[in-house]
């Protein structure tokens, strides 16, 4: 993404170079809570070291007081293109638009191989296989009075994600 942006910037004479710096537990100032010790501390101290912060939406409330209201910088038409229920819950805090989504997809599916092996099921490779396998295991585990298996929907209402504990 960084390379793509930098090529776009060069081709369009924007004179902007994007440099990505990833904060992790290995480069944090305090090892116990790297997101708090790094990004929030920079924001609280009004650091001008970085222009854009890319963060996990679950942290938006903690950081929202330190972020600009992007309503002032973006057209309503552009904001409308991104609007959805999940957008509203993860980018708008106290009627302030404090973030924009970079990516709305998941690239990793974690599998509970213990329960898959218990039921002789392979790791699902498609959404259809995921739903089929989860429903099968859910029904089989109910027969064994296991009530700790919980199917969940969302975060996007158009997709179904199943979590098997």
N, C-alpha and C. Protein backbone atom coordinates (compact mmCIF):
# COMPACT_ATOMS: atom_id res chain seq x y z
N UNK A 1 0.83 -1.18 0.00
CA UNK A 1 0.00 0.00 0.00
C UNK A 1 0.88 1.26 0.00
N UNK A 2 1.95 1.21 0.77
CA UNK A 2 2.86 2.36 0.83
C UNK A 2 3.50 2.61 -0.52
N UNK A 3 3.99 1.55 -1.14
CA UNK A 3 4.62 1.69 -2.47
C UNK A 3 3.63 2.22 -3.50
N UNK A 4 2.40 1.70 -3.46
CA UNK A 4 1.38 2.16 -4.40
C UNK A 4 1.11 3.65 -4.23
N UNK A 5 0.98 4.08 -2.98
CA UNK A 5 0.72 5.50 -2.74
C UNK A 5 1.89 6.36 -3.22
N UNK A 6 3.10 5.93 -2.89
CA UNK A 6 4.26 6.73 -3.27
C UNK A 6 4.40 6.84 -4.79
N UNK A 7 4.08 5.77 -5.52
CA UNK A 7 4.08 5.84 -6.99
C UNK A 7 3.02 6.82 -7.47
N UNK A 8 1.82 6.74 -6.88
CA UNK A 8 0.73 7.65 -7.24
C UNK A 8 1.14 9.10 -6.97
N UNK A 9 1.74 9.32 -5.81
CA UNK A 9 2.18 10.67 -5.45
C UNK A 9 3.20 11.21 -6.44
N UNK A 10 4.15 10.37 -6.83
CA UNK A 10 5.18 10.80 -7.78
C UNK A 10 4.57 11.09 -9.15
N UNK A 11 3.70 10.20 -9.63
CA UNK A 11 3.08 10.39 -10.95
C UNK A 11 2.21 11.64 -11.01
N UNK A 12 1.62 12.01 -9.87
CA UNK A 12 0.72 13.16 -9.82
C UNK A 12 1.36 14.39 -9.20
N UNK A 13 2.68 14.37 -9.05
CA UNK A 13 3.43 15.52 -8.53
C UNK A 13 2.86 16.05 -7.21
N UNK A 14 2.51 15.15 -6.31
CA UNK A 14 1.96 15.56 -5.02
C UNK A 14 3.03 16.00 -4.02
N UNK A 15 4.26 15.58 -4.28
CA UNK A 15 5.36 15.90 -3.37
C UNK A 15 5.11 15.39 -1.96
N UNK A 16 4.54 14.18 -1.87
CA UNK A 16 4.28 13.52 -0.59
C UNK A 16 4.94 12.14 -0.65
N UNK A 17 5.67 11.81 0.41
CA UNK A 17 6.25 10.48 0.52
C UNK A 17 5.70 9.84 1.78
N UNK A 18 5.08 8.70 1.61
CA UNK A 18 4.51 7.97 2.74
C UNK A 18 5.55 7.00 3.28
N UNK A 19 5.77 7.07 4.59
CA UNK A 19 6.67 6.14 5.26
C UNK A 19 5.87 5.46 6.37
N UNK A 20 5.81 4.16 6.33
CA UNK A 20 5.04 3.40 7.31
C UNK A 20 5.93 2.99 8.46
N UNK A 21 5.52 3.31 9.68
CA UNK A 21 6.22 2.90 10.88
C UNK A 21 5.22 2.11 11.71
N UNK A 22 5.51 0.85 11.96
CA UNK A 22 4.61 -0.02 12.70
C UNK A 22 5.03 -0.10 14.16
N UNK A 23 4.11 0.28 15.03
CA UNK A 23 4.37 0.16 16.46
C UNK A 23 3.98 -1.24 16.91
N UNK A 24 4.91 -1.94 17.54
CA UNK A 24 4.65 -3.28 18.06
C UNK A 24 5.21 -3.36 19.46
N UNK A 25 4.98 -4.50 20.11
CA UNK A 25 5.52 -4.68 21.45
C UNK A 25 7.05 -4.66 21.46
N UNK A 26 7.68 -4.96 20.32
CA UNK A 26 9.14 -4.99 20.29
C UNK A 26 9.77 -3.60 20.17
N UNK A 27 9.03 -2.60 19.71
CA UNK A 27 9.62 -1.26 19.61
C UNK A 27 8.89 -0.24 20.47
N UNK A 28 8.08 -0.71 21.40
CA UNK A 28 7.33 0.19 22.28
C UNK A 28 8.22 0.69 23.42
N UNK A 29 7.82 1.84 23.96
CA UNK A 29 8.56 2.38 25.09
C UNK A 29 8.23 1.64 26.38
N UNK A 30 7.00 1.16 26.49
CA UNK A 30 6.59 0.37 27.65
C UNK A 30 6.06 -0.95 27.12
N UNK A 31 6.67 -2.05 27.50
CA UNK A 31 6.36 -3.34 26.90
C UNK A 31 4.97 -3.88 27.26
N UNK A 32 4.35 -3.41 28.31
CA UNK A 32 3.08 -3.99 28.72
C UNK A 32 1.90 -3.54 27.89
N UNK A 33 1.93 -2.35 27.33
CA UNK A 33 0.81 -1.86 26.54
C UNK A 33 1.33 -0.94 25.45
N UNK A 34 1.83 -1.55 24.36
CA UNK A 34 2.52 -0.78 23.33
C UNK A 34 1.64 0.25 22.66
N UNK A 35 0.36 -0.04 22.46
CA UNK A 35 -0.49 0.94 21.78
C UNK A 35 -0.68 2.16 22.66
N UNK A 36 -0.85 1.95 23.94
CA UNK A 36 -1.03 3.05 24.88
C UNK A 36 0.26 3.85 25.00
N UNK A 37 1.37 3.16 25.11
CA UNK A 37 2.62 3.84 25.36
C UNK A 37 3.16 4.56 24.12
N UNK A 38 2.73 4.16 22.96
CA UNK A 38 3.28 4.75 21.75
C UNK A 38 2.33 5.75 21.11
N UNK A 39 1.29 5.27 20.48
CA UNK A 39 0.40 6.15 19.71
C UNK A 39 -0.34 7.13 20.61
N UNK A 40 -0.96 6.65 21.67
CA UNK A 40 -1.75 7.55 22.53
C UNK A 40 -0.84 8.57 23.19
N UNK A 41 0.34 8.16 23.61
CA UNK A 41 1.27 9.10 24.22
C UNK A 41 1.68 10.18 23.23
N UNK A 42 1.94 9.79 21.98
CA UNK A 42 2.26 10.79 20.95
C UNK A 42 1.10 11.76 20.77
N UNK A 43 -0.11 11.24 20.74
CA UNK A 43 -1.28 12.11 20.57
C UNK A 43 -1.48 13.02 21.77
N UNK A 44 -1.36 12.45 22.98
CA UNK A 44 -1.54 13.26 24.19
C UNK A 44 -0.51 14.38 24.28
N UNK A 45 0.68 14.12 23.80
CA UNK A 45 1.75 15.12 23.85
C UNK A 45 1.73 16.05 22.63
N UNK A 46 0.71 15.90 21.79
CA UNK A 46 0.55 16.73 20.59
C UNK A 46 1.80 16.69 19.69
N UNK A 47 2.35 15.50 19.59
CA UNK A 47 3.53 15.32 18.75
C UNK A 47 3.19 15.63 17.29
N UNK A 48 4.12 16.27 16.62
CA UNK A 48 3.97 16.53 15.18
C UNK A 48 4.87 15.61 14.37
N UNK A 49 5.36 14.57 15.00
CA UNK A 49 6.27 13.65 14.33
C UNK A 49 5.60 12.90 13.18
N UNK A 50 4.30 12.58 13.31
CA UNK A 50 3.57 11.84 12.29
C UNK A 50 2.34 12.62 11.87
N UNK A 51 1.97 12.47 10.60
CA UNK A 51 0.81 13.16 10.06
C UNK A 51 -0.45 12.30 10.07
N UNK A 52 -0.28 10.99 9.91
CA UNK A 52 -1.41 10.07 9.84
C UNK A 52 -1.15 8.90 10.77
N UNK A 53 -2.18 8.50 11.50
CA UNK A 53 -2.09 7.31 12.35
C UNK A 53 -3.05 6.26 11.81
N UNK A 54 -2.56 5.06 11.65
CA UNK A 54 -3.36 3.91 11.23
C UNK A 54 -3.47 3.05 12.47
N UNK A 55 -4.69 2.81 12.94
CA UNK A 55 -4.87 2.13 14.21
C UNK A 55 -6.04 1.16 14.13
N UNK A 56 -6.07 0.27 15.09
CA UNK A 56 -7.16 -0.69 15.21
C UNK A 56 -8.41 0.06 15.65
N UNK A 57 -9.54 -0.11 14.97
CA UNK A 57 -10.76 0.61 15.34
C UNK A 57 -11.21 0.38 16.79
N UNK A 58 -10.80 -0.71 17.40
CA UNK A 58 -11.20 -0.95 18.79
C UNK A 58 -10.59 0.07 19.74
N UNK A 59 -9.60 0.81 19.30
CA UNK A 59 -8.94 1.81 20.14
C UNK A 59 -9.43 3.23 19.87
N UNK A 60 -10.39 3.39 19.00
CA UNK A 60 -10.79 4.72 18.57
C UNK A 60 -11.32 5.58 19.73
N UNK A 61 -12.05 5.01 20.65
CA UNK A 61 -12.60 5.81 21.75
C UNK A 61 -11.48 6.38 22.61
N UNK A 62 -10.45 5.57 22.86
CA UNK A 62 -9.32 6.04 23.68
C UNK A 62 -8.57 7.20 23.01
N UNK A 63 -8.57 7.22 21.70
CA UNK A 63 -7.79 8.23 20.97
C UNK A 63 -8.63 9.37 20.43
N UNK A 64 -9.95 9.23 20.44
CA UNK A 64 -10.82 10.17 19.71
C UNK A 64 -10.65 11.63 20.12
N UNK A 65 -10.40 11.89 21.39
CA UNK A 65 -10.24 13.28 21.83
C UNK A 65 -9.03 13.96 21.21
N UNK A 66 -8.10 13.16 20.71
CA UNK A 66 -6.86 13.70 20.16
C UNK A 66 -6.85 13.74 18.64
N UNK A 67 -7.96 13.35 18.02
CA UNK A 67 -8.02 13.27 16.56
C UNK A 67 -8.91 14.38 15.99
N UNK A 68 -8.56 14.84 14.80
CA UNK A 68 -9.36 15.85 14.13
C UNK A 68 -10.73 15.32 13.76
N UNK A 69 -11.70 16.21 13.68
CA UNK A 69 -12.99 15.86 13.11
C UNK A 69 -12.85 15.99 11.60
N UNK A 70 -12.84 14.84 10.92
CA UNK A 70 -12.59 14.83 9.48
C UNK A 70 -13.75 15.38 8.67
N UNK A 71 -14.89 15.64 9.32
CA UNK A 71 -16.00 16.28 8.61
C UNK A 71 -15.54 17.62 8.01
N UNK A 72 -14.60 18.26 8.69
CA UNK A 72 -14.11 19.57 8.25
C UNK A 72 -13.20 19.47 7.03
N UNK A 73 -12.70 18.28 6.73
CA UNK A 73 -11.71 18.12 5.67
C UNK A 73 -12.17 17.26 4.51
N UNK A 74 -13.31 16.60 4.64
CA UNK A 74 -13.78 15.68 3.61
C UNK A 74 -15.18 16.06 3.16
N UNK A 75 -15.45 15.84 1.92
CA UNK A 75 -16.78 16.18 1.39
C UNK A 75 -17.81 15.16 1.90
N UNK A 76 -19.04 15.59 2.09
CA UNK A 76 -20.11 14.67 2.48
C UNK A 76 -20.29 13.54 1.47
N UNK A 77 -20.05 13.82 0.20
CA UNK A 77 -20.19 12.80 -0.84
C UNK A 77 -19.18 11.67 -0.63
N UNK A 78 -17.95 12.02 -0.31
CA UNK A 78 -16.92 11.01 -0.08
C UNK A 78 -17.23 10.20 1.17
N UNK A 79 -17.63 10.86 2.23
CA UNK A 79 -17.96 10.16 3.48
C UNK A 79 -19.12 9.20 3.24
N UNK A 80 -20.10 9.62 2.46
CA UNK A 80 -21.27 8.79 2.17
C UNK A 80 -20.89 7.48 1.47
N UNK A 81 -19.82 7.51 0.66
CA UNK A 81 -19.37 6.30 -0.04
C UNK A 81 -18.93 5.21 0.93
N UNK A 82 -18.46 5.59 2.10
CA UNK A 82 -17.96 4.63 3.08
C UNK A 82 -18.98 4.28 4.14
N UNK A 83 -20.03 5.05 4.22
CA UNK A 83 -20.96 4.90 5.34
C UNK A 83 -21.62 3.53 5.39
N UNK A 84 -21.64 2.96 6.57
CA UNK A 84 -22.33 1.72 6.89
C UNK A 84 -22.47 1.66 8.39
N UNK A 85 -23.15 0.67 8.90
CA UNK A 85 -23.31 0.54 10.35
C UNK A 85 -21.94 0.38 11.02
N UNK A 86 -21.10 -0.49 10.45
CA UNK A 86 -19.77 -0.70 11.05
C UNK A 86 -18.92 0.56 10.95
N UNK A 87 -19.05 1.30 9.86
CA UNK A 87 -18.33 2.57 9.71
C UNK A 87 -18.75 3.53 10.82
N UNK A 88 -20.04 3.62 11.05
CA UNK A 88 -20.55 4.51 12.08
C UNK A 88 -20.02 4.13 13.46
N UNK A 89 -19.97 2.83 13.75
CA UNK A 89 -19.52 2.37 15.07
C UNK A 89 -18.01 2.49 15.27
N UNK A 90 -17.23 2.49 14.20
CA UNK A 90 -15.77 2.48 14.36
C UNK A 90 -15.09 3.77 13.97
N UNK A 91 -15.80 4.69 13.37
CA UNK A 91 -15.15 5.92 12.91
C UNK A 91 -15.81 7.20 13.41
N UNK A 92 -16.98 7.11 13.97
CA UNK A 92 -17.67 8.30 14.46
C UNK A 92 -17.83 8.20 15.97
N UNK A 93 -17.28 9.18 16.67
CA UNK A 93 -17.35 9.23 18.13
C UNK A 93 -17.88 10.60 18.51
N UNK A 94 -18.97 10.63 19.26
CA UNK A 94 -19.60 11.89 19.68
C UNK A 94 -19.86 12.81 18.48
N UNK A 95 -20.43 12.24 17.43
CA UNK A 95 -20.77 12.94 16.20
C UNK A 95 -19.57 13.53 15.47
N UNK A 96 -18.38 13.05 15.81
CA UNK A 96 -17.15 13.49 15.15
C UNK A 96 -16.60 12.34 14.31
N UNK A 97 -16.25 12.62 13.07
CA UNK A 97 -15.63 11.63 12.20
C UNK A 97 -14.14 11.65 12.50
N UNK A 98 -13.66 10.62 13.20
CA UNK A 98 -12.26 10.62 13.66
C UNK A 98 -11.40 9.60 12.91
N UNK A 99 -11.96 8.91 11.94
CA UNK A 99 -11.18 7.95 11.18
C UNK A 99 -11.87 7.55 9.90
N UNK A 100 -11.09 6.99 9.01
CA UNK A 100 -11.61 6.45 7.75
C UNK A 100 -11.04 5.05 7.57
N UNK A 101 -11.83 4.14 7.03
CA UNK A 101 -11.32 2.77 6.86
C UNK A 101 -10.27 2.69 5.77
N UNK A 102 -9.25 1.91 6.04
CA UNK A 102 -8.22 1.63 5.04
C UNK A 102 -8.56 0.31 4.36
N UNK A 103 -9.02 -0.64 5.15
CA UNK A 103 -9.29 -1.98 4.65
C UNK A 103 -10.47 -2.55 5.41
N UNK A 104 -11.43 -3.12 4.71
CA UNK A 104 -12.61 -3.68 5.37
C UNK A 104 -12.71 -5.19 5.18
N UNK A 105 -11.59 -5.86 5.09
CA UNK A 105 -11.64 -7.30 4.89
C UNK A 105 -10.69 -8.00 5.84
N UNK A 106 -10.89 -9.27 5.97
CA UNK A 106 -10.02 -10.11 6.78
C UNK A 106 -9.21 -10.99 5.87
N UNK A 107 -7.95 -11.20 6.18
CA UNK A 107 -7.11 -12.05 5.34
C UNK A 107 -6.69 -13.32 6.06
N UNK A 108 -7.14 -13.48 7.30
CA UNK A 108 -6.76 -14.65 8.08
C UNK A 108 -8.00 -15.28 8.69
N UNK A 109 -8.06 -16.59 8.63
CA UNK A 109 -9.11 -17.34 9.30
C UNK A 109 -8.43 -18.30 10.26
N UNK A 110 -8.68 -18.13 11.55
CA UNK A 110 -8.11 -19.03 12.54
C UNK A 110 -9.02 -20.24 12.67
N UNK A 111 -8.43 -21.41 12.76
CA UNK A 111 -9.21 -22.64 12.87
C UNK A 111 -8.88 -23.35 14.17
N UNK A 112 -9.91 -23.88 14.81
CA UNK A 112 -9.74 -24.68 16.01
C UNK A 112 -9.51 -26.12 15.55
N UNK A 113 -8.25 -26.47 15.36
CA UNK A 113 -7.93 -27.80 14.80
C UNK A 113 -8.30 -28.93 15.75
N UNK A 114 -8.32 -28.66 17.04
CA UNK A 114 -8.69 -29.71 18.00
C UNK A 114 -10.12 -30.17 17.74
N UNK A 115 -11.04 -29.20 17.63
CA UNK A 115 -12.44 -29.58 17.41
C UNK A 115 -12.67 -30.06 15.99
N UNK A 116 -11.93 -29.51 15.02
CA UNK A 116 -12.04 -30.00 13.65
C UNK A 116 -11.61 -31.47 13.58
N UNK A 117 -10.48 -31.80 14.22
CA UNK A 117 -10.00 -33.19 14.23
C UNK A 117 -10.97 -34.10 14.96
N UNK A 118 -11.55 -33.61 16.05
CA UNK A 118 -12.52 -34.40 16.82
C UNK A 118 -13.67 -34.86 15.92
N UNK A 119 -14.05 -34.03 14.98
CA UNK A 119 -15.19 -34.34 14.10
C UNK A 119 -14.74 -34.74 12.69
N UNK A 120 -13.45 -35.04 12.53
CA UNK A 120 -12.90 -35.46 11.23
C UNK A 120 -13.25 -34.47 10.11
N UNK A 121 -13.10 -33.20 10.40
CA UNK A 121 -13.39 -32.16 9.42
C UNK A 121 -12.09 -31.44 9.04
N UNK A 122 -11.89 -31.18 7.75
CA UNK A 122 -10.71 -30.42 7.34
C UNK A 122 -10.90 -28.93 7.62
N UNK A 123 -9.82 -28.19 7.57
CA UNK A 123 -9.90 -26.74 7.72
C UNK A 123 -10.68 -26.19 6.54
N UNK A 124 -11.74 -25.42 6.78
CA UNK A 124 -12.54 -24.86 5.67
C UNK A 124 -11.70 -23.97 4.77
N UNK A 125 -11.92 -24.09 3.46
CA UNK A 125 -11.18 -23.30 2.48
C UNK A 125 -12.04 -22.21 1.84
N UNK A 126 -13.36 -22.30 1.98
CA UNK A 126 -14.27 -21.31 1.40
C UNK A 126 -15.28 -20.91 2.48
N UNK A 127 -16.00 -19.79 2.20
CA UNK A 127 -17.04 -19.37 3.14
C UNK A 127 -18.11 -20.44 3.26
N UNK A 128 -18.45 -21.08 2.14
CA UNK A 128 -19.48 -22.12 2.17
C UNK A 128 -19.04 -23.28 3.05
N UNK A 129 -17.78 -23.69 2.91
CA UNK A 129 -17.26 -24.77 3.75
C UNK A 129 -17.22 -24.35 5.22
N UNK A 130 -16.89 -23.10 5.48
CA UNK A 130 -16.87 -22.61 6.85
C UNK A 130 -18.24 -22.72 7.49
N UNK A 131 -19.26 -22.24 6.80
CA UNK A 131 -20.63 -22.28 7.33
C UNK A 131 -21.09 -23.72 7.49
N UNK A 132 -20.83 -24.55 6.49
CA UNK A 132 -21.23 -25.96 6.55
C UNK A 132 -20.55 -26.68 7.70
N UNK A 133 -19.26 -26.50 7.85
CA UNK A 133 -18.50 -27.16 8.91
C UNK A 133 -18.95 -26.66 10.28
N UNK A 134 -19.11 -25.36 10.43
CA UNK A 134 -19.54 -24.80 11.71
C UNK A 134 -20.92 -25.31 12.10
N UNK A 135 -21.85 -25.35 11.15
CA UNK A 135 -23.19 -25.86 11.46
C UNK A 135 -23.15 -27.34 11.85
N UNK A 136 -22.34 -28.12 11.13
CA UNK A 136 -22.22 -29.55 11.43
C UNK A 136 -21.67 -29.74 12.86
N UNK A 137 -20.58 -29.04 13.17
CA UNK A 137 -19.97 -29.19 14.50
C UNK A 137 -20.91 -28.68 15.58
N UNK A 138 -21.59 -27.59 15.32
CA UNK A 138 -22.55 -27.06 16.29
C UNK A 138 -23.62 -28.09 16.63
N UNK A 139 -24.18 -28.73 15.61
CA UNK A 139 -25.21 -29.75 15.83
C UNK A 139 -24.66 -30.97 16.55
N UNK A 140 -23.47 -31.42 16.16
CA UNK A 140 -22.86 -32.59 16.80
C UNK A 140 -22.52 -32.32 18.26
N UNK A 141 -22.03 -31.14 18.54
CA UNK A 141 -21.68 -30.79 19.91
C UNK A 141 -22.93 -30.61 20.78
N UNK A 142 -24.01 -30.13 20.19
CA UNK A 142 -25.28 -30.04 20.94
C UNK A 142 -25.74 -31.42 21.39
N UNK A 143 -25.53 -32.43 20.53
CA UNK A 143 -25.88 -33.81 20.88
C UNK A 143 -25.09 -34.29 22.08
N UNK A 144 -23.91 -33.71 22.28
CA UNK A 144 -23.04 -34.08 23.41
C UNK A 144 -23.24 -33.14 24.60
N UNK A 145 -24.29 -32.31 24.54
CA UNK A 145 -24.62 -31.32 25.58
C UNK A 145 -23.51 -30.28 25.78
N UNK A 146 -22.76 -30.00 24.74
CA UNK A 146 -21.74 -28.97 24.81
C UNK A 146 -22.40 -27.65 24.42
N UNK A 147 -22.55 -26.76 25.39
CA UNK A 147 -23.19 -25.46 25.14
C UNK A 147 -22.17 -24.33 25.01
N UNK A 148 -20.89 -24.70 24.92
CA UNK A 148 -19.84 -23.68 24.83
C UNK A 148 -19.48 -23.32 23.39
N UNK A 149 -20.19 -23.86 22.45
CA UNK A 149 -19.95 -23.54 21.05
C UNK A 149 -20.96 -22.49 20.64
N UNK A 150 -20.44 -21.35 20.19
CA UNK A 150 -21.30 -20.21 19.91
C UNK A 150 -21.09 -19.72 18.48
N UNK A 151 -22.11 -19.80 17.63
CA UNK A 151 -21.99 -19.18 16.30
C UNK A 151 -22.32 -17.69 16.43
N UNK A 152 -21.52 -16.87 15.79
CA UNK A 152 -21.73 -15.42 15.84
C UNK A 152 -21.84 -14.87 14.43
N UNK A 153 -22.60 -13.80 14.27
CA UNK A 153 -22.65 -13.13 12.97
C UNK A 153 -21.96 -11.79 13.10
N UNK A 154 -21.52 -11.28 11.95
CA UNK A 154 -20.90 -9.98 11.92
C UNK A 154 -19.42 -10.09 12.15
N UNK A 155 -18.63 -9.04 12.03
CA UNK A 155 -19.01 -7.67 12.20
C UNK A 155 -19.75 -7.04 11.03
N UNK A 156 -19.70 -7.62 9.86
CA UNK A 156 -20.42 -7.06 8.73
C UNK A 156 -21.66 -7.91 8.50
N UNK A 157 -22.80 -7.29 8.47
CA UNK A 157 -24.05 -8.03 8.39
C UNK A 157 -24.17 -8.82 7.09
N UNK A 158 -23.44 -8.45 6.07
CA UNK A 158 -23.55 -9.17 4.81
C UNK A 158 -22.73 -10.46 4.80
N UNK A 159 -21.82 -10.61 5.75
CA UNK A 159 -21.01 -11.83 5.84
C UNK A 159 -21.31 -12.54 7.14
N UNK A 160 -21.10 -13.82 7.17
CA UNK A 160 -21.30 -14.60 8.39
C UNK A 160 -19.94 -15.12 8.84
N UNK A 161 -19.60 -14.83 10.06
CA UNK A 161 -18.37 -15.34 10.64
C UNK A 161 -18.78 -16.27 11.77
N UNK A 162 -18.22 -17.43 11.81
CA UNK A 162 -18.54 -18.40 12.84
C UNK A 162 -17.32 -18.57 13.73
N UNK A 163 -17.50 -18.43 15.01
CA UNK A 163 -16.41 -18.64 15.95
C UNK A 163 -16.76 -19.89 16.76
N UNK A 164 -15.85 -20.84 16.78
CA UNK A 164 -16.06 -22.07 17.53
C UNK A 164 -15.06 -22.08 18.67
N UNK A 165 -15.56 -22.10 19.90
CA UNK A 165 -14.68 -22.11 21.08
C UNK A 165 -14.28 -23.52 21.41
